[in-house]
PDB file of N, CA and C in Angstrom:
ATOM      1  N   UNK A   1      39.873 -24.211   1.484  1.00  0.00           N
ATOM      2  CA  UNK A   1      39.320 -23.460   1.820  1.00  0.00           C
ATOM      3  C   UNK A   1      40.198 -22.128   2.836  1.00  0.00           C
ATOM      4  N   UNK A   2      41.018 -22.753   3.307  1.00  0.00           N
ATOM      5  CA  UNK A   2      42.388 -21.974   4.154  1.00  0.00           C
ATOM      6  C   UNK A   2      42.920 -20.955   3.386  1.00  0.00           C
ATOM      7  N   UNK A   3      43.174 -21.557   1.950  1.00  0.00           N
ATOM      8  CA  UNK A   3      43.981 -20.332   1.109  1.00  0.00           C
ATOM      9  C   UNK A   3      43.145 -19.415   0.460  1.00  0.00           C
ATOM     10  N   UNK A   4      41.873 -19.295   0.503  1.00  0.00           N
ATOM     11  CA  UNK A   4      40.835 -18.680  -0.085  1.00  0.00           C
ATOM     12  C   UNK A   4      40.604 -17.768   1.059  1.00  0.00           C
ATOM     13  N   UNK A   5      40.573 -18.169   2.313  1.00  0.00           N
ATOM     14  CA  UNK A   5      40.764 -17.011   3.441  1.00  0.00           C
ATOM     15  C   UNK A   5      41.628 -16.260   3.860  1.00  0.00           C
ATOM     16  N   UNK A   6      42.977 -16.820   3.358  1.00  0.00           N
ATOM     17  CA  UNK A   6      44.343 -16.305   3.571  1.00  0.00           C
ATOM     18  C   UNK A   6      44.641 -15.121   2.647  1.00  0.00           C
ATOM     19  N   UNK A   7      44.218 -15.633   1.537  1.00  0.00           N
ATOM     20  CA  UNK A   7      44.388 -14.634   0.051  1.00  0.00           C
ATOM     21  C   UNK A   7      43.086 -13.299   0.266  1.00  0.00           C
ATOM     22  N   UNK A   8      41.900 -13.712   0.808  1.00  0.00           N
ATOM     23  CA  UNK A   8      41.405 -12.362   1.060  1.00  0.00           C
ATOM     24  C   UNK A   8      41.844 -11.534   2.107  1.00  0.00           C
ATOM     25  N   UNK A   9      42.525 -12.147   3.323  1.00  0.00           N
ATOM     26  CA  UNK A   9      43.418 -11.363   4.754  1.00  0.00           C
ATOM     27  C   UNK A   9      44.332 -10.718   3.544  1.00  0.00           C
ATOM     28  N   UNK A  10      45.253 -11.381   2.648  1.00  0.00           N
ATOM     29  CA  UNK A  10      46.186 -10.543   2.310  1.00  0.00           C
ATOM     30  C   UNK A  10      45.824  -9.256   1.173  1.00  0.00           C
ATOM     31  N   UNK A  11      44.496  -9.702   0.407  1.00  0.00           N
ATOM     32  CA  UNK A  11      43.972  -8.594  -0.419  1.00  0.00           C
ATOM     33  C   UNK A  11      43.749  -7.045   0.600  1.00  0.00           C
ATOM     34  N   UNK A  12      43.013  -7.494   1.656  1.00  0.00           N
ATOM     35  CA  UNK A  12      42.792  -6.542   2.722  1.00  0.00           C
ATOM     36  C   UNK A  12      43.688  -5.765   2.854  1.00  0.00           C
ATOM     37  N   UNK A  13      44.947  -6.420   3.689  1.00  0.00           N
ATOM     38  CA  UNK A  13      46.148  -5.826   3.923  1.00  0.00           C
ATOM     39  C   UNK A  13      46.326  -4.732   2.767  1.00  0.00           C
ATOM     40  N   UNK A  14      46.614  -4.907   1.662  1.00  0.00           N
ATOM     41  CA  UNK A  14      47.171  -4.521   0.430  1.00  0.00           C
ATOM     42  C   UNK A  14      46.327  -3.464   0.434  1.00  0.00           C
ATOM     43  N   UNK A  15      44.970  -3.387   0.496  1.00  0.00           N
ATOM     44  CA  UNK A  15      44.105  -2.160   0.293  1.00  0.00           C
ATOM     45  C   UNK A  15      44.283  -1.272   1.642  1.00  0.00           C
ATOM     46  N   UNK A  16      44.471  -1.990   2.685  1.00  0.00           N
ATOM     47  CA  UNK A  16      44.572  -1.282   3.953  1.00  0.00           C
ATOM     48  C   UNK A  16      45.934  -0.329   3.480  1.00  0.00           C
ATOM     49  N   UNK A  17      46.869  -0.937   3.173  1.00  0.00           N
ATOM     50  CA  UNK A  17      48.193   0.219   2.661  1.00  0.00           C
ATOM     51  C   UNK A  17      47.644   1.038   1.761  1.00  0.00           C
ATOM     52  N   UNK A  18      47.084   0.770   0.934  1.00  0.00           N
ATOM     53  CA  UNK A  18      46.716   1.884  -0.230  1.00  0.00           C
ATOM     54  C   UNK A  18      46.116   2.873   0.111  1.00  0.00           C
ATOM     55  N   UNK A  19      45.094   2.353   1.241  1.00  0.00           N
ATOM     56  CA  UNK A  19      44.280   3.256   1.740  1.00  0.00           C
ATOM     57  C   UNK A  19      45.114   4.442   2.744  1.00  0.00           C
ATOM     58  N   UNK A  20      46.109   4.198   3.434  1.00  0.00           N
ATOM     59  CA  UNK A  20      46.736   4.745   4.376  1.00  0.00           C
ATOM     60  C   UNK A  20      47.568   5.668   3.297  1.00  0.00           C
ATOM     61  N   UNK A  21      47.989   5.253   2.262  1.00  0.00           N
ATOM     62  CA  UNK A  21      49.232   6.089   1.139  1.00  0.00           C
ATOM     63  C   UNK A  21      48.302   7.377   1.045  1.00  0.00           C
ATOM     64  N   UNK A  22      46.906   6.887   0.517  1.00  0.00           N
ATOM     65  CA  UNK A  22      46.220   7.827   0.150  1.00  0.00           C
ATOM     66  C   UNK A  22      45.830   9.120   0.899  1.00  0.00           C
ATOM     67  N   UNK A  23      45.276   8.398   2.115  1.00  0.00           N
ATOM     68  CA  UNK A  23      45.150   9.402   3.062  1.00  0.00           C
ATOM     69  C   UNK A  23      46.222  10.167   3.371  1.00  0.00           C
ATOM     70  N   UNK A  24      47.223   9.746   3.047  1.00  0.00           N
ATOM     71  CA  UNK A  24      48.482  10.428   3.542  1.00  0.00           C
ATOM     72  C   UNK A  24      48.731  11.348   2.476  1.00  0.00           C
ATOM     73  N   UNK A  25      48.900  11.084   1.178  1.00  0.00           N
ATOM     74  CA  UNK A  25      48.980  12.233   0.311  1.00  0.00           C
ATOM     75  C   UNK A  25      47.653  12.927   0.181  1.00  0.00           C
ATOM     76  N   UNK A  26      46.346  12.844   0.971  1.00  0.00           N
ATOM     77  CA  UNK A  26      45.609  13.908   0.621  1.00  0.00           C
ATOM     78  C   UNK A  26      45.952  15.244   1.674  1.00  0.00           C
ATOM     79  N   UNK A  27      46.301  14.339   2.997  1.00  0.00           N
ATOM     80  CA  UNK A  27      46.903  15.772   3.758  1.00  0.00           C
ATOM     81  C   UNK A  27      47.969  16.601   3.732  1.00  0.00           C
ATOM     82  N   UNK A  28      48.484  15.436   2.702  1.00  0.00           N
ATOM     83  CA  UNK A  28      50.360  16.105   2.734  1.00  0.00           C
ATOM     84  C   UNK A  28      49.445  17.602   1.787  1.00  0.00           C
ATOM     85  N   UNK A  29      48.582  16.758   0.488  1.00  0.00           N
ATOM     86  CA  UNK A  29      48.162  18.169  -0.690  1.00  0.00           C
ATOM     87  C   UNK A  29      47.271  18.869   0.290  1.00  0.00           C
ATOM     88  N   UNK A  30      46.676  18.903   1.119  1.00  0.00           N
ATOM     89  CA  UNK A  30      45.382  19.849   1.959  1.00  0.00           C
ATOM     90  C   UNK A  30      46.450  20.815   2.621  1.00  0.00           C
ATOM     91  N   UNK A  31      47.814  20.453   2.947  1.00  0.00           N
ATOM     92  CA  UNK A  31      48.592  21.562   3.419  1.00  0.00           C
ATOM     93  C   UNK A  31      49.355  22.224   2.516  1.00  0.00           C
ATOM     94  N   UNK A  32      49.244  21.912   0.985  1.00  0.00           N
ATOM     95  CA  UNK A  32      49.842  23.019   0.151  1.00  0.00           C
ATOM     96  C   UNK A  32      48.889  23.276  -0.910  1.00  0.00           C
ATOM     97  N   UNK A  33      48.083  22.555  -1.526  1.00  0.00           N
ATOM     98  CA  UNK A  33      47.087  22.915  -2.285  1.00  0.00           C
ATOM     99  C   UNK A  33      46.019  21.813  -2.434  1.00  0.00           C
ATOM    100  N   UNK A  34      44.607  22.323  -3.112  1.00  0.00           N
ATOM    101  CA  UNK A  34      43.824  21.419  -3.216  1.00  0.00           C
ATOM    102  C   UNK A  34      43.899  20.734  -4.802  1.00  0.00           C
ATOM    103  N   UNK A  35      45.026  20.861  -5.719  1.00  0.00           N
ATOM    104  CA  UNK A  35      44.840  20.916  -7.046  1.00  0.00           C
ATOM    105  C   UNK A  35      44.486  19.389  -6.993  1.00  0.00           C
ATOM    106  N   UNK A  36      45.251  18.546  -7.014  1.00  0.00           N
ATOM    107  CA  UNK A  36      44.909  17.295  -6.725  1.00  0.00           C
ATOM    108  C   UNK A  36      44.047  16.312  -6.207  1.00  0.00           C
ATOM    109  N   UNK A  37      43.585  16.764  -5.267  1.00  0.00           N
ATOM    110  CA  UNK A  37      42.439  16.272  -4.465  1.00  0.00           C
ATOM    111  C   UNK A  37      41.422  15.635  -4.803  1.00  0.00           C
ATOM    112  N   UNK A  38      40.380  15.986  -5.531  1.00  0.00           N
ATOM    113  CA  UNK A  38      39.382  15.124  -6.301  1.00  0.00           C
ATOM    114  C   UNK A  38      40.024  13.773  -7.389  1.00  0.00           C
ATOM    115  N   UNK A  39      41.504  14.071  -8.131  1.00  0.00           N
ATOM    116  CA  UNK A  39      41.662  12.702  -8.468  1.00  0.00           C
ATOM    117  C   UNK A  39      42.024  11.610  -7.615  1.00  0.00           C
ATOM    118  N   UNK A  40      42.359  12.298  -6.550  1.00  0.00           N
ATOM    119  CA  UNK A  40      42.931  11.289  -5.429  1.00  0.00           C
ATOM    120  C   UNK A  40      41.631  10.565  -4.714  1.00  0.00           C
ATOM    121  N   UNK A  41      40.607  11.118  -4.483  1.00  0.00           N
ATOM    122  CA  UNK A  41      39.590  10.588  -4.261  1.00  0.00           C
ATOM    123  C   UNK A  41      38.710   9.667  -5.281  1.00  0.00           C
ATOM    124  N   UNK A  42      38.753   9.802  -6.313  1.00  0.00           N
ATOM    125  CA  UNK A  42      38.480   9.096  -7.384  1.00  0.00           C
ATOM    126  C   UNK A  42      39.398   7.797  -7.272  1.00  0.00           C
ATOM    127  N   UNK A  43      40.471   7.739  -7.429  1.00  0.00           N
ATOM    128  CA  UNK A  43      41.160   6.651  -7.307  1.00  0.00           C
ATOM    129  C   UNK A  43      41.240   5.947  -5.923  1.00  0.00           C
ATOM    130  N   UNK A  44      41.090   6.574  -5.227  1.00  0.00           N
ATOM    131  CA  UNK A  44      40.730   5.625  -3.768  1.00  0.00           C
ATOM    132  C   UNK A  44      39.583   4.883  -4.219  1.00  0.00           C
ATOM    133  N   UNK A  45      38.250   5.574  -4.357  1.00  0.00           N
ATOM    134  CA  UNK A  45      37.111   4.916  -4.744  1.00  0.00           C
ATOM    135  C   UNK A  45      37.207   3.587  -5.742  1.00  0.00           C
ATOM    136  N   UNK A  46      37.889   3.792  -6.791  1.00  0.00           N
ATOM    137  CA  UNK A  46      38.188   2.945  -7.552  1.00  0.00           C
ATOM    138  C   UNK A  46      39.043   1.921  -6.926  1.00  0.00           C
ATOM    139  N   UNK A  47      40.259   2.065  -6.456  1.00  0.00           N
ATOM    140  CA  UNK A  47      40.542   1.175  -5.335  1.00  0.00           C
ATOM    141  C   UNK A  47      39.476   0.090  -4.214  1.00  0.00           C
ATOM    142  N   UNK A  48      38.766   0.689  -3.894  1.00  0.00           N
ATOM    143  CA  UNK A  48      37.934   0.104  -2.875  1.00  0.00           C
ATOM    144  C   UNK A  48      37.038  -0.671  -3.967  1.00  0.00           C
ATOM    145  N   UNK A  49      36.694  -0.148  -4.796  1.00  0.00           N
ATOM    146  CA  UNK A  49      35.483  -0.899  -5.739  1.00  0.00           C
ATOM    147  C   UNK A  49      36.162  -2.311  -6.122  1.00  0.00           C
ATOM    148  N   UNK A  50      37.466  -2.049  -6.665  1.00  0.00           N
ATOM    149  CA  UNK A  50      38.197  -3.271  -6.903  1.00  0.00           C
ATOM    150  C   UNK A  50      38.220  -4.418  -5.967  1.00  0.00           C
ATOM    151  N   UNK A  51      38.703  -3.881  -4.726  1.00  0.00           N
ATOM    152  CA  UNK A  51      38.497  -4.939  -3.646  1.00  0.00           C
ATOM    153  C   UNK A  51      37.439  -5.483  -3.316  1.00  0.00           C
ATOM    154  N   UNK A  52      35.756  -4.591  -3.753  1.00  0.00           N
ATOM    155  CA  UNK A  52      34.818  -5.127  -3.278  1.00  0.00           C
ATOM    156  C   UNK A  52      34.586  -6.418  -4.504  1.00  0.00           C
ATOM    157  N   UNK A  53      34.847  -6.102  -6.213  1.00  0.00           N
ATOM    158  CA  UNK A  53      34.445  -7.127  -6.924  1.00  0.00           C
ATOM    159  C   UNK A  53      35.702  -8.295  -6.370  1.00  0.00           C
ATOM    160  N   UNK A  54      36.641  -8.318  -6.066  1.00  0.00           N
ATOM    161  CA  UNK A  54      37.432  -9.487  -5.889  1.00  0.00           C
ATOM    162  C   UNK A  54      37.010  -9.993  -4.517  1.00  0.00           C
ATOM    163  N   UNK A  55      36.517  -9.630  -3.440  1.00  0.00           N
ATOM    164  CA  UNK A  55      35.823 -10.171  -2.498  1.00  0.00           C
ATOM    165  C   UNK A  55      34.393 -10.976  -2.855  1.00  0.00           C
ATOM    166  N   UNK A  56      33.914 -10.769  -3.502  1.00  0.00           N
ATOM    167  CA  UNK A  56      32.571 -11.081  -3.987  1.00  0.00           C
ATOM    168  C   UNK A  56      33.178 -12.381  -5.115  1.00  0.00           C
ATOM    169  N   UNK A  57      34.069 -12.175  -6.136  1.00  0.00           N
ATOM    170  CA  UNK A  57      34.615 -13.179  -6.516  1.00  0.00           C
ATOM    171  C   UNK A  57      35.069 -14.601  -5.689  1.00  0.00           C
ATOM    172  N   UNK A  58      35.990 -13.859  -4.760  1.00  0.00           N
ATOM    173  CA  UNK A  58      36.362 -15.146  -3.800  1.00  0.00           C
ATOM    174  C   UNK A  58      35.100 -15.833  -3.132  1.00  0.00           C
ATOM    175  N   UNK A  59      33.969 -15.106  -2.602  1.00  0.00           N
ATOM    176  CA  UNK A  59      32.992 -15.509  -1.794  1.00  0.00           C
ATOM    177  C   UNK A  59      32.263 -16.376  -2.730  1.00  0.00           C
ATOM    178  N   UNK A  60      32.186 -16.098  -4.126  1.00  0.00           N
ATOM    179  CA  UNK A  60      31.182 -17.039  -5.288  1.00  0.00           C
ATOM    180  C   UNK A  60      32.221 -18.396  -5.557  1.00  0.00           C
ATOM    181  N   UNK A  61      33.747 -18.143  -5.527  1.00  0.00           N
ATOM    182  CA  UNK A  61      34.444 -19.094  -5.770  1.00  0.00           C
ATOM    183  C   UNK A  61      34.487 -20.182  -4.681  1.00  0.00           C
ATOM    184  N   UNK A  62      34.252 -19.748  -3.439  1.00  0.00           N
ATOM    185  CA  UNK A  62      34.167 -20.510  -2.263  1.00  0.00           C
ATOM    186  C   UNK A  62      32.957 -21.233  -2.335  1.00  0.00           C
ATOM    187  N   UNK A  63      31.505 -20.902  -2.725  1.00  0.00           N
ATOM    188  CA  UNK A  63      30.523 -21.761  -2.950  1.00  0.00           C
ATOM    189  C   UNK A  63      30.694 -22.413  -3.710  1.00  0.00           C
ATOM    190  N   UNK A  64      31.235 -22.174  -5.030  1.00  0.00           N
ATOM    191  CA  UNK A  64      31.233 -23.256  -6.024  1.00  0.00           C
ATOM    192  C   UNK A  64      32.046 -24.286  -5.632  1.00  0.00           C
ATOM    193  N   UNK A  65      32.909 -23.897  -5.324  1.00  0.00           N
ATOM    194  CA  UNK A  65      33.694 -25.151  -4.738  1.00  0.00           C
ATOM    195  C   UNK A  65      32.998 -26.109  -3.655  1.00  0.00           C
ATOM    196  N   UNK A  66      32.335 -25.661  -2.771  1.00  0.00           N
ATOM    197  CA  UNK A  66      31.642 -26.466  -1.866  1.00  0.00           C
ATOM    198  C   UNK A  66      30.350 -27.048  -2.338  1.00  0.00           C
ATOM    199  N   UNK A  67      30.004 -26.429  -3.402  1.00  0.00           N
ATOM    200  CA  UNK A  67      28.559 -26.968  -4.546  1.00  0.00           C
ATOM    201  C   UNK A  67      29.464 -28.397  -4.680  1.00  0.00           C
ATOM    202  N   UNK A  68      30.711 -28.113  -5.566  1.00  0.00           N
ATOM    203  CA  UNK A  68      31.114 -29.275  -6.381  1.00  0.00           C
ATOM    204  C   UNK A  68      31.378 -30.410  -5.223  1.00  0.00           C
ATOM    205  N   UNK A  69      32.247 -29.884  -4.121  1.00  0.00           N
ATOM    206  CA  UNK A  69      32.663 -30.860  -3.337  1.00  0.00           C
ATOM    207  C   UNK A  69      31.345 -31.785  -2.582  1.00  0.00           C
ATOM    208  N   UNK A  70      30.304 -31.112  -2.400  1.00  0.00           N
ATOM    209  CA  UNK A  70      29.027 -32.038  -1.898  1.00  0.00           C
ATOM    210  C   UNK A  70      28.602 -32.649  -3.268  1.00  0.00           C
ATOM    211  N   UNK A  71      28.687 -32.279  -4.390  1.00  0.00           N
ATOM    212  CA  UNK A  71      27.940 -33.135  -5.888  1.00  0.00           C
ATOM    213  C   UNK A  71      29.049 -34.271  -5.504  1.00  0.00           C
ATOM    214  N   UNK A  72      30.142 -34.101  -5.615  1.00  0.00           N
ATOM    215  CA  UNK A  72      30.969 -35.575  -5.778  1.00  0.00           C
ATOM    216  C   UNK A  72      30.553 -36.438  -4.462  1.00  0.00           C
ATOM    217  N   UNK A  73      30.472 -35.835  -3.050  1.00  0.00           N
ATOM    218  CA  UNK A  73      30.127 -36.732  -2.032  1.00  0.00           C
ATOM    219  C   UNK A  73      28.888 -37.372  -2.046  1.00  0.00           C
ATOM    220  N   UNK A  74      28.317 -36.968  -3.014  1.00  0.00           N
ATOM    221  CA  UNK A  74      26.784 -37.701  -3.241  1.00  0.00           C
ATOM    222  C   UNK A  74      27.172 -38.363  -4.379  1.00  0.00           C
ATOM    223  N   UNK A  75      28.087 -38.962  -5.215  1.00  0.00           N
ATOM    224  CA  UNK A  75      28.047 -39.695  -6.261  1.00  0.00           C
ATOM    225  C   UNK A  75      27.710 -41.275  -5.683  1.00  0.00           C
ATOM    226  N   UNK A  76      27.284 -42.013  -6.494  1.00  0.00           N
ATOM    227  CA  UNK A  76      26.775 -43.289  -6.118  1.00  0.00           C
ATOM    228  C   UNK A  76      25.533 -43.383  -5.301  1.00  0.00           C
ATOM    229  N   UNK A  77      25.112 -42.094  -4.777  1.00  0.00           N
ATOM    230  CA  UNK A  77      23.799 -42.132  -4.259  1.00  0.00           C
ATOM    231  C   UNK A  77      22.569 -42.643  -5.109  1.00  0.00           C
ATOM    232  N   UNK A  78      21.822 -43.222  -4.666  1.00  0.00           N
ATOM    233  CA  UNK A  78      20.563 -43.567  -5.360  1.00  0.00           C
ATOM    234  C   UNK A  78      20.757 -44.174  -6.876  1.00  0.00           C
ATOM    235  N   UNK A  79      21.860 -44.840  -6.989  1.00  0.00           N
ATOM    236  CA  UNK A  79      22.186 -45.215  -8.600  1.00  0.00           C
ATOM    237  C   UNK A  79      22.983 -46.515  -8.066  1.00  0.00           C
ATOM    238  N   UNK A  80      22.859 -47.439  -9.031  1.00  0.00           N
ATOM    239  CA  UNK A  80      23.574 -48.902  -8.656  1.00  0.00           C
ATOM    240  C   UNK A  80      24.948 -48.990  -9.816  1.00  0.00           C
ATOM    241  N   UNK A  81      24.977 -47.947 -10.508  1.00  0.00           N
ATOM    242  CA  UNK A  81      26.419 -48.309 -11.699  1.00  0.00           C
ATOM    243  C   UNK A  81      27.518 -47.543 -10.623  1.00  0.00           C
ATOM    244  N   UNK A  82      28.299 -48.247 -11.095  1.00  0.00           N
ATOM    245  CA  UNK A  82      30.118 -47.559 -10.385  1.00  0.00           C
ATOM    246  C   UNK A  82      29.848 -46.765 -10.921  1.00  0.00           C
ATOM    247  N   UNK A  83      30.837 -45.369 -10.174  1.00  0.00           N
ATOM    248  CA  UNK A  83      31.552 -44.162 -10.465  1.00  0.00           C
ATOM    249  C   UNK A  83      30.586 -43.166 -11.192  1.00  0.00           C
ATOM    250  N   UNK A  84      29.111 -43.614 -11.270  1.00  0.00           N
ATOM    251  CA  UNK A  84      28.328 -42.271 -11.705  1.00  0.00           C
ATOM    252  C   UNK A  84      27.824 -41.521 -11.197  1.00  0.00           C
ATOM    253  N   UNK A  85      27.696 -40.278 -11.466  1.00  0.00           N
ATOM    254  CA  UNK A  85      27.070 -38.642 -10.704  1.00  0.00           C
ATOM    255  C   UNK A  85      25.783 -38.633 -10.661  1.00  0.00           C
ATOM    256  N   UNK A  86      25.222 -38.641  -9.927  1.00  0.00           N
ATOM    257  CA  UNK A  86      23.539 -38.310  -9.631  1.00  0.00           C
ATOM    258  C   UNK A  86      23.525 -37.021  -8.840  1.00  0.00           C
ATOM    259  N   UNK A  87      23.148 -36.406  -9.467  1.00  0.00           N
ATOM    260  CA  UNK A  87      22.127 -34.530  -8.734  1.00  0.00           C
ATOM    261  C   UNK A  87      20.810 -34.744  -8.705  1.00  0.00           C
ATOM    262  N   UNK A  88      20.533 -34.441  -7.287  1.00  0.00           N
ATOM    263  CA  UNK A  88      18.709 -34.639  -7.095  1.00  0.00           C
ATOM    264  C   UNK A  88      18.334 -32.976  -6.546  1.00  0.00           C
ATOM    265  N   UNK A  89      17.723 -32.481  -7.303  1.00  0.00           N
ATOM    266  CA  UNK A  89      17.324 -31.058  -6.808  1.00  0.00           C
ATOM    267  C   UNK A  89      15.890 -31.154  -6.617  1.00  0.00           C
TER     268      UNK A  89
END
């Protein structure tokens, strides 16, 4: 679980670095010209969208791992067979 949260923090740190770099590019271009400004804004939205998908994937991964963990904790409950896996819904 710690690795998931640390990787989430690392992804956030990467995206923050990219955001500051892109904002720096936009301010630099605004002093010079507005030629590439829309392209940079689209690129920034794409990077932020990728981060949101990664975040959702990590959250889903965490929930799925918790489900598997509790599923295997419940094995042998309500069953007399050794090593059987039961799931009650």
